[in-house]
Amino acid sequence: MSNSLTSTGRDDAHMPETGDPEEGVVSRADPGIVEHASPLGFDATLDRLAKAIERAGLTIFARIDHAAGARDAGLVMPPTVVLIYGHAKGGTPIMLAAPQTALDLPLRVLVREDADGRTLVAFHPITPVMLAAGVPEALANRLEPAQALLIKEIQS
């Protein structure tokens, strides 16, 4: 059974092979965002992604819990966490080639629960962002595996 709803309109030529490219994709108005539905609950999805990132030898630099921030401000927000992750060996050569890419690195992934209780995993496909910043294609593509592992983890 597929969680696929519709395409995001993203440039699939720059996305790594992860099986069915539309499996689990949720439609977004912004083609610069890829969002996949997870078959797991919020906590299980967040835990699996964090473990997959660390297993890949990447570092989670920060975990931003937006729902906790909302609670502290007296507001209510569904579970919403951003993980900021990467590795200097992947990002530093890119930032040396185009210093402004430091605005988009390290990588980020959003895990959130929507109004229907579905857990969604979203990120900006990094290759088009890097290419737009003038990073040579050979360098721009090197971060795709760090995003592909996220989708692989929730689809397995």
N, C-alpha and C. Protein backbone atom coordinates (compact mmCIF):
# COMPACT_ATOMS: atom_id res chain seq x y z
N MET A 1 0.84 -1.18 0.00
CA MET A 1 0.00 0.00 0.00
C MET A 1 0.88 1.23 0.00
N SER A 2 0.61 2.18 -0.88
CA SER A 2 1.41 3.38 -1.01
C SER A 2 0.76 4.54 -0.25
N ASN A 3 1.61 5.39 0.31
CA ASN A 3 1.14 6.60 0.97
C ASN A 3 1.09 7.76 -0.01
N SER A 4 1.33 7.50 -1.30
CA SER A 4 1.45 8.55 -2.29
C SER A 4 0.13 9.27 -2.51
N LEU A 5 0.21 10.59 -2.49
CA LEU A 5 -0.97 11.39 -2.78
C LEU A 5 -0.80 12.07 -4.14
N THR A 6 0.20 12.93 -4.26
CA THR A 6 0.50 13.58 -5.53
C THR A 6 1.95 13.99 -5.57
N SER A 7 2.39 14.43 -6.71
CA SER A 7 3.77 14.87 -6.88
C SER A 7 3.98 16.26 -6.31
N THR A 8 5.20 16.54 -5.94
CA THR A 8 5.55 17.86 -5.42
C THR A 8 5.93 18.81 -6.53
N GLY A 9 6.15 18.30 -7.73
CA GLY A 9 6.61 19.15 -8.80
C GLY A 9 8.11 19.40 -8.73
N ARG A 10 8.83 18.66 -7.92
CA ARG A 10 10.27 18.86 -7.78
C ARG A 10 10.99 18.36 -9.01
N ASP A 11 12.24 18.73 -9.16
CA ASP A 11 13.08 18.30 -10.26
C ASP A 11 13.69 16.96 -9.92
N ASP A 12 13.05 15.87 -10.34
CA ASP A 12 13.49 14.53 -9.99
C ASP A 12 14.86 14.18 -10.56
N ALA A 13 15.34 14.93 -11.55
CA ALA A 13 16.65 14.66 -12.10
C ALA A 13 17.74 14.88 -11.06
N HIS A 14 17.44 15.65 -10.03
CA HIS A 14 18.42 15.94 -9.00
C HIS A 14 18.15 15.18 -7.72
N MET A 15 17.22 14.26 -7.71
CA MET A 15 16.91 13.49 -6.51
C MET A 15 17.51 12.10 -6.64
N PRO A 16 18.06 11.57 -5.55
CA PRO A 16 18.64 10.23 -5.60
C PRO A 16 17.56 9.17 -5.78
N GLU A 17 17.97 8.03 -6.31
CA GLU A 17 17.04 6.92 -6.46
C GLU A 17 16.70 6.36 -5.08
N THR A 18 15.43 6.29 -4.76
CA THR A 18 15.00 5.74 -3.47
C THR A 18 13.82 4.81 -3.68
N GLY A 19 13.82 4.09 -4.80
CA GLY A 19 12.65 3.26 -5.09
C GLY A 19 11.65 4.12 -5.85
N ASP A 20 10.38 3.98 -5.54
CA ASP A 20 9.33 4.77 -6.18
C ASP A 20 9.47 6.21 -5.72
N PRO A 21 9.84 7.15 -6.62
CA PRO A 21 10.08 8.53 -6.19
C PRO A 21 8.82 9.21 -5.67
N GLU A 22 7.66 8.69 -5.97
CA GLU A 22 6.42 9.32 -5.50
C GLU A 22 5.85 8.65 -4.27
N GLU A 23 6.42 7.53 -3.83
CA GLU A 23 5.88 6.83 -2.67
C GLU A 23 5.99 7.70 -1.43
N GLY A 24 4.88 7.95 -0.82
CA GLY A 24 4.85 8.72 0.41
C GLY A 24 4.89 10.22 0.21
N VAL A 25 4.98 10.71 -1.01
CA VAL A 25 5.07 12.15 -1.25
C VAL A 25 3.72 12.78 -1.04
N VAL A 26 3.73 13.89 -0.33
CA VAL A 26 2.53 14.67 -0.08
C VAL A 26 2.63 15.95 -0.88
N SER A 27 1.59 16.36 -1.55
CA SER A 27 1.61 17.56 -2.38
C SER A 27 1.89 18.80 -1.55
N ARG A 28 2.74 19.67 -2.09
CA ARG A 28 3.07 20.95 -1.45
C ARG A 28 2.96 22.04 -2.51
N ALA A 29 2.57 23.22 -2.11
CA ALA A 29 2.49 24.34 -3.02
C ALA A 29 3.89 24.75 -3.49
N ASP A 30 4.91 24.56 -2.67
CA ASP A 30 6.27 24.96 -2.97
C ASP A 30 7.04 23.78 -3.55
N PRO A 31 7.41 23.81 -4.83
CA PRO A 31 8.14 22.70 -5.42
C PRO A 31 9.55 22.55 -4.85
N GLY A 32 10.02 23.51 -4.06
CA GLY A 32 11.32 23.43 -3.44
C GLY A 32 11.32 22.65 -2.15
N ILE A 33 10.18 22.04 -1.81
CA ILE A 33 10.06 21.24 -0.59
C ILE A 33 9.58 19.85 -0.98
N VAL A 34 10.26 18.84 -0.47
CA VAL A 34 9.81 17.46 -0.63
C VAL A 34 9.27 17.04 0.73
N GLU A 35 8.07 16.51 0.74
CA GLU A 35 7.46 16.08 1.99
C GLU A 35 6.88 14.68 1.82
N HIS A 36 7.32 13.77 2.68
CA HIS A 36 6.89 12.38 2.63
C HIS A 36 6.10 12.04 3.88
N ALA A 37 5.06 11.24 3.72
CA ALA A 37 4.30 10.73 4.85
C ALA A 37 5.04 9.53 5.42
N SER A 38 5.18 9.49 6.73
CA SER A 38 5.80 8.34 7.39
C SER A 38 4.72 7.38 7.83
N PRO A 39 4.94 6.07 7.69
CA PRO A 39 3.97 5.11 8.19
C PRO A 39 4.01 4.97 9.71
N LEU A 40 5.00 5.59 10.34
CA LEU A 40 5.18 5.50 11.79
C LEU A 40 4.61 6.73 12.47
N GLY A 41 4.45 6.65 13.78
CA GLY A 41 4.04 7.80 14.56
C GLY A 41 5.16 8.83 14.65
N PHE A 42 4.85 9.99 15.21
CA PHE A 42 5.82 11.08 15.29
C PHE A 42 7.09 10.67 16.02
N ASP A 43 6.96 10.20 17.27
CA ASP A 43 8.15 9.87 18.06
C ASP A 43 8.99 8.77 17.41
N ALA A 44 8.34 7.75 16.88
CA ALA A 44 9.07 6.66 16.24
C ALA A 44 9.79 7.15 14.98
N THR A 45 9.15 8.01 14.21
CA THR A 45 9.78 8.57 13.01
C THR A 45 10.99 9.40 13.39
N LEU A 46 10.84 10.28 14.35
CA LEU A 46 11.94 11.14 14.78
C LEU A 46 13.11 10.29 15.29
N ASP A 47 12.80 9.28 16.07
CA ASP A 47 13.84 8.40 16.61
C ASP A 47 14.56 7.65 15.49
N ARG A 48 13.82 7.09 14.56
CA ARG A 48 14.44 6.34 13.45
C ARG A 48 15.32 7.23 12.60
N LEU A 49 14.85 8.46 12.32
CA LEU A 49 15.65 9.36 11.50
C LEU A 49 16.94 9.75 12.22
N ALA A 50 16.83 10.08 13.51
CA ALA A 50 18.02 10.45 14.27
C ALA A 50 19.03 9.31 14.29
N LYS A 51 18.57 8.10 14.50
CA LYS A 51 19.47 6.94 14.52
C LYS A 51 20.10 6.70 13.14
N ALA A 52 19.32 6.87 12.08
CA ALA A 52 19.84 6.67 10.72
C ALA A 52 20.90 7.72 10.40
N ILE A 53 20.67 8.95 10.80
CA ILE A 53 21.65 10.02 10.58
C ILE A 53 22.96 9.68 11.30
N GLU A 54 22.86 9.28 12.54
CA GLU A 54 24.06 8.96 13.32
C GLU A 54 24.75 7.70 12.81
N ARG A 55 23.97 6.69 12.39
CA ARG A 55 24.54 5.46 11.82
C ARG A 55 25.35 5.76 10.56
N ALA A 56 24.92 6.78 9.83
CA ALA A 56 25.61 7.16 8.59
C ALA A 56 26.89 7.96 8.87
N GLY A 57 27.20 8.17 10.13
CA GLY A 57 28.41 8.91 10.48
C GLY A 57 28.24 10.41 10.47
N LEU A 58 27.00 10.85 10.40
CA LEU A 58 26.70 12.29 10.40
C LEU A 58 26.43 12.75 11.83
N THR A 59 26.53 14.04 12.04
CA THR A 59 26.31 14.62 13.36
C THR A 59 24.99 15.38 13.37
N ILE A 60 24.22 15.21 14.43
CA ILE A 60 23.04 16.05 14.65
C ILE A 60 23.54 17.23 15.48
N PHE A 61 23.60 18.38 14.85
CA PHE A 61 24.13 19.57 15.50
C PHE A 61 23.09 20.22 16.41
N ALA A 62 21.82 20.10 16.02
CA ALA A 62 20.76 20.72 16.82
C ALA A 62 19.45 20.00 16.58
N ARG A 63 18.62 20.05 17.59
CA ARG A 63 17.26 19.51 17.54
C ARG A 63 16.37 20.65 18.03
N ILE A 64 15.59 21.22 17.13
CA ILE A 64 14.74 22.36 17.47
C ILE A 64 13.32 21.87 17.62
N ASP A 65 12.80 21.92 18.83
CA ASP A 65 11.45 21.47 19.13
C ASP A 65 10.53 22.69 19.13
N HIS A 66 9.91 22.95 17.99
CA HIS A 66 9.04 24.12 17.84
C HIS A 66 7.79 24.01 18.72
N ALA A 67 7.29 22.80 18.91
CA ALA A 67 6.10 22.63 19.75
C ALA A 67 6.42 22.98 21.21
N ALA A 68 7.62 22.63 21.67
CA ALA A 68 8.03 22.98 23.03
C ALA A 68 8.13 24.50 23.16
N GLY A 69 8.68 25.14 22.14
CA GLY A 69 8.75 26.61 22.16
C GLY A 69 7.37 27.24 22.20
N ALA A 70 6.46 26.66 21.45
CA ALA A 70 5.09 27.17 21.46
C ALA A 70 4.48 27.02 22.85
N ARG A 71 4.67 25.85 23.47
CA ARG A 71 4.15 25.63 24.83
C ARG A 71 4.71 26.67 25.81
N ASP A 72 6.01 26.95 25.69
CA ASP A 72 6.65 27.93 26.56
C ASP A 72 6.05 29.32 26.38
N ALA A 73 5.52 29.58 25.19
CA ALA A 73 4.90 30.87 24.90
C ALA A 73 3.39 30.86 25.16
N GLY A 74 2.90 29.75 25.72
CA GLY A 74 1.47 29.64 26.01
C GLY A 74 0.62 29.32 24.79
N LEU A 75 1.24 28.76 23.76
CA LEU A 75 0.53 28.43 22.51
C LEU A 75 0.51 26.92 22.32
N VAL A 76 -0.35 26.46 21.45
CA VAL A 76 -0.47 25.04 21.17
C VAL A 76 -0.04 24.80 19.72
N MET A 77 0.81 23.82 19.54
CA MET A 77 1.29 23.46 18.20
C MET A 77 1.47 21.95 18.16
N PRO A 78 1.10 21.31 17.05
CA PRO A 78 1.33 19.86 16.94
C PRO A 78 2.83 19.57 17.03
N PRO A 79 3.20 18.33 17.32
CA PRO A 79 4.62 17.98 17.37
C PRO A 79 5.33 18.43 16.09
N THR A 80 6.40 19.19 16.26
CA THR A 80 7.16 19.76 15.14
C THR A 80 8.61 19.91 15.57
N VAL A 81 9.50 19.14 14.95
CA VAL A 81 10.92 19.17 15.30
C VAL A 81 11.74 19.30 14.02
N VAL A 82 12.77 20.14 14.08
CA VAL A 82 13.74 20.25 12.99
C VAL A 82 15.06 19.70 13.50
N LEU A 83 15.64 18.76 12.73
CA LEU A 83 16.97 18.26 13.01
C LEU A 83 17.94 18.94 12.05
N ILE A 84 19.02 19.47 12.58
CA ILE A 84 20.07 20.08 11.76
C ILE A 84 21.25 19.11 11.82
N TYR A 85 21.67 18.63 10.65
CA TYR A 85 22.66 17.55 10.64
C TYR A 85 23.60 17.65 9.45
N GLY A 86 24.73 16.99 9.56
CA GLY A 86 25.68 16.94 8.46
C GLY A 86 27.04 16.46 8.93
N HIS A 87 28.04 16.77 8.10
CA HIS A 87 29.42 16.41 8.40
C HIS A 87 30.32 17.41 7.68
N ALA A 88 31.36 17.85 8.35
CA ALA A 88 32.27 18.85 7.77
C ALA A 88 32.90 18.37 6.46
N LYS A 89 33.14 17.06 6.33
CA LYS A 89 33.74 16.55 5.09
C LYS A 89 32.81 16.73 3.89
N GLY A 90 31.50 16.75 4.14
CA GLY A 90 30.55 16.96 3.05
C GLY A 90 30.31 18.43 2.75
N GLY A 91 30.13 19.22 3.80
CA GLY A 91 29.75 20.61 3.61
C GLY A 91 30.88 21.59 3.37
N THR A 92 32.03 21.35 3.98
CA THR A 92 33.12 22.33 3.86
C THR A 92 33.59 22.55 2.42
N PRO A 93 33.80 21.51 1.62
CA PRO A 93 34.21 21.78 0.23
C PRO A 93 33.18 22.60 -0.54
N ILE A 94 31.92 22.39 -0.23
CA ILE A 94 30.86 23.16 -0.89
C ILE A 94 30.92 24.62 -0.46
N MET A 95 31.09 24.85 0.84
CA MET A 95 31.17 26.24 1.33
C MET A 95 32.43 26.93 0.84
N LEU A 96 33.51 26.20 0.63
CA LEU A 96 34.72 26.79 0.07
C LEU A 96 34.49 27.20 -1.38
N ALA A 97 33.72 26.41 -2.13
CA ALA A 97 33.42 26.72 -3.53
C ALA A 97 32.44 27.88 -3.66
N ALA A 98 31.52 27.99 -2.71
CA ALA A 98 30.50 29.06 -2.73
C ALA A 98 30.15 29.40 -1.29
N PRO A 99 30.86 30.35 -0.69
CA PRO A 99 30.69 30.66 0.73
C PRO A 99 29.25 30.95 1.17
N GLN A 100 28.41 31.50 0.31
CA GLN A 100 27.04 31.81 0.70
C GLN A 100 26.21 30.56 0.98
N THR A 101 26.69 29.39 0.58
CA THR A 101 25.95 28.16 0.87
C THR A 101 25.93 27.86 2.37
N ALA A 102 26.77 28.53 3.12
CA ALA A 102 26.74 28.37 4.58
C ALA A 102 25.38 28.77 5.15
N LEU A 103 24.62 29.56 4.40
CA LEU A 103 23.26 29.90 4.83
C LEU A 103 22.32 28.70 4.76
N ASP A 104 22.65 27.71 3.94
CA ASP A 104 21.78 26.54 3.75
C ASP A 104 22.36 25.26 4.33
N LEU A 105 23.53 25.33 4.90
CA LEU A 105 24.17 24.16 5.49
C LEU A 105 24.42 24.42 6.96
N PRO A 106 24.42 23.41 7.80
CA PRO A 106 24.18 22.00 7.53
C PRO A 106 22.75 21.74 7.04
N LEU A 107 22.53 20.50 6.65
CA LEU A 107 21.21 20.08 6.18
C LEU A 107 20.19 20.14 7.30
N ARG A 108 18.92 20.25 6.91
CA ARG A 108 17.82 20.29 7.88
C ARG A 108 16.72 19.35 7.41
N VAL A 109 16.06 18.74 8.38
CA VAL A 109 14.88 17.92 8.09
C VAL A 109 13.81 18.28 9.12
N LEU A 110 12.61 18.46 8.63
CA LEU A 110 11.45 18.77 9.48
C LEU A 110 10.63 17.51 9.66
N VAL A 111 10.32 17.19 10.90
CA VAL A 111 9.39 16.09 11.22
C VAL A 111 8.23 16.75 11.94
N ARG A 112 7.02 16.54 11.40
CA ARG A 112 5.86 17.19 12.01
C ARG A 112 4.64 16.29 11.93
N GLU A 113 3.68 16.61 12.77
CA GLU A 113 2.40 15.91 12.74
C GLU A 113 1.38 16.90 12.19
N ASP A 114 0.62 16.47 11.18
CA ASP A 114 -0.38 17.37 10.61
C ASP A 114 -1.71 17.28 11.37
N ALA A 115 -2.69 18.05 10.94
CA ALA A 115 -3.98 18.13 11.62
C ALA A 115 -4.72 16.79 11.63
N ASP A 116 -4.39 15.91 10.68
CA ASP A 116 -5.03 14.60 10.62
C ASP A 116 -4.26 13.54 11.41
N GLY A 117 -3.18 13.96 12.08
CA GLY A 117 -2.40 13.02 12.88
C GLY A 117 -1.33 12.27 12.11
N ARG A 118 -1.16 12.58 10.82
CA ARG A 118 -0.12 11.94 10.02
C ARG A 118 1.24 12.55 10.36
N THR A 119 2.25 11.73 10.34
CA THR A 119 3.62 12.22 10.53
C THR A 119 4.23 12.47 9.17
N LEU A 120 4.78 13.66 8.99
CA LEU A 120 5.36 14.07 7.72
C LEU A 120 6.83 14.43 7.91
N VAL A 121 7.64 14.09 6.91
CA VAL A 121 9.07 14.36 6.91
C VAL A 121 9.34 15.24 5.68
N ALA A 122 9.93 16.42 5.91
CA ALA A 122 10.13 17.37 4.82
C ALA A 122 11.54 17.94 4.83
N PHE A 123 12.00 18.28 3.61
CA PHE A 123 13.28 18.97 3.46
C PHE A 123 13.32 19.66 2.11
N HIS A 124 14.25 20.59 1.97
CA HIS A 124 14.53 21.22 0.68
C HIS A 124 15.53 20.33 -0.04
N PRO A 125 15.21 19.81 -1.24
CA PRO A 125 16.20 19.03 -1.96
C PRO A 125 17.46 19.88 -2.14
N ILE A 126 18.58 19.41 -1.65
CA ILE A 126 19.77 20.24 -1.53
C ILE A 126 20.47 20.52 -2.87
N THR A 127 20.43 19.61 -3.81
CA THR A 127 21.16 19.83 -5.06
C THR A 127 20.69 21.08 -5.79
N PRO A 128 19.39 21.28 -6.02
CA PRO A 128 18.98 22.51 -6.70
C PRO A 128 19.37 23.78 -5.93
N VAL A 129 19.34 23.71 -4.61
CA VAL A 129 19.73 24.86 -3.79
C VAL A 129 21.21 25.17 -4.02
N MET A 130 22.04 24.13 -4.02
CA MET A 130 23.47 24.32 -4.22
C MET A 130 23.78 24.80 -5.64
N LEU A 131 23.12 24.23 -6.63
CA LEU A 131 23.33 24.66 -8.01
C LEU A 131 22.94 26.12 -8.20
N ALA A 132 21.86 26.54 -7.58
CA ALA A 132 21.42 27.93 -7.67
C ALA A 132 22.43 28.88 -7.04
N ALA A 133 23.20 28.37 -6.08
CA ALA A 133 24.22 29.19 -5.42
C ALA A 133 25.54 29.18 -6.20
N GLY A 134 25.57 28.47 -7.33
CA GLY A 134 26.77 28.44 -8.15
C GLY A 134 27.75 27.34 -7.83
N VAL A 135 27.33 26.36 -7.05
CA VAL A 135 28.21 25.24 -6.72
C VAL A 135 28.30 24.33 -7.95
N PRO A 136 29.52 23.92 -8.33
CA PRO A 136 29.65 22.98 -9.45
C PRO A 136 28.84 21.70 -9.19
N GLU A 137 28.28 21.14 -10.25
CA GLU A 137 27.39 19.99 -10.11
C GLU A 137 28.01 18.82 -9.37
N ALA A 138 29.29 18.54 -9.62
CA ALA A 138 29.95 17.41 -8.94
C ALA A 138 29.95 17.60 -7.43
N LEU A 139 30.09 18.82 -6.96
CA LEU A 139 30.03 19.09 -5.53
C LEU A 139 28.60 19.15 -5.03
N ALA A 140 27.72 19.77 -5.82
CA ALA A 140 26.32 19.94 -5.40
C ALA A 140 25.64 18.61 -5.14
N ASN A 141 25.98 17.59 -5.92
CA ASN A 141 25.34 16.28 -5.80
C ASN A 141 25.81 15.47 -4.60
N ARG A 142 26.91 15.85 -3.99
CA ARG A 142 27.51 15.00 -2.96
C ARG A 142 26.70 14.90 -1.68
N LEU A 143 25.74 15.79 -1.47
CA LEU A 143 24.93 15.74 -0.25
C LEU A 143 23.62 14.96 -0.41
N GLU A 144 23.30 14.58 -1.64
CA GLU A 144 22.05 13.85 -1.87
C GLU A 144 21.92 12.58 -1.02
N PRO A 145 22.97 11.78 -0.86
CA PRO A 145 22.82 10.57 -0.04
C PRO A 145 22.39 10.87 1.40
N ALA A 146 22.80 12.01 1.93
CA ALA A 146 22.43 12.37 3.30
C ALA A 146 20.94 12.69 3.42
N GLN A 147 20.31 13.04 2.31
CA GLN A 147 18.86 13.23 2.32
C GLN A 147 18.14 11.95 1.91
N ALA A 148 18.72 11.20 0.99
CA ALA A 148 18.09 9.95 0.55
C ALA A 148 17.94 8.97 1.70
N LEU A 149 18.90 8.98 2.63
CA LEU A 149 18.81 8.03 3.75
C LEU A 149 17.57 8.30 4.61
N LEU A 150 17.09 9.53 4.65
CA LEU A 150 15.89 9.86 5.42
C LEU A 150 14.67 9.14 4.86
N ILE A 151 14.51 9.25 3.54
CA ILE A 151 13.35 8.64 2.89
C ILE A 151 13.45 7.13 2.96
N LYS A 152 14.66 6.61 2.72
CA LYS A 152 14.85 5.16 2.81
C LYS A 152 14.47 4.65 4.20
N GLU A 153 14.82 5.39 5.22
CA GLU A 153 14.55 4.97 6.59
C GLU A 153 13.05 4.88 6.89
N ILE A 154 12.27 5.82 6.38
CA ILE A 154 10.82 5.77 6.68
C ILE A 154 10.07 4.85 5.71
N GLN A 155 10.69 4.49 4.61
CA GLN A 155 10.04 3.59 3.67
C GLN A 155 10.39 2.13 3.93
N SER A 156 11.38 1.89 4.80
CA SER A 156 11.78 0.49 5.04
C SER A 156 10.99 -0.13 6.18
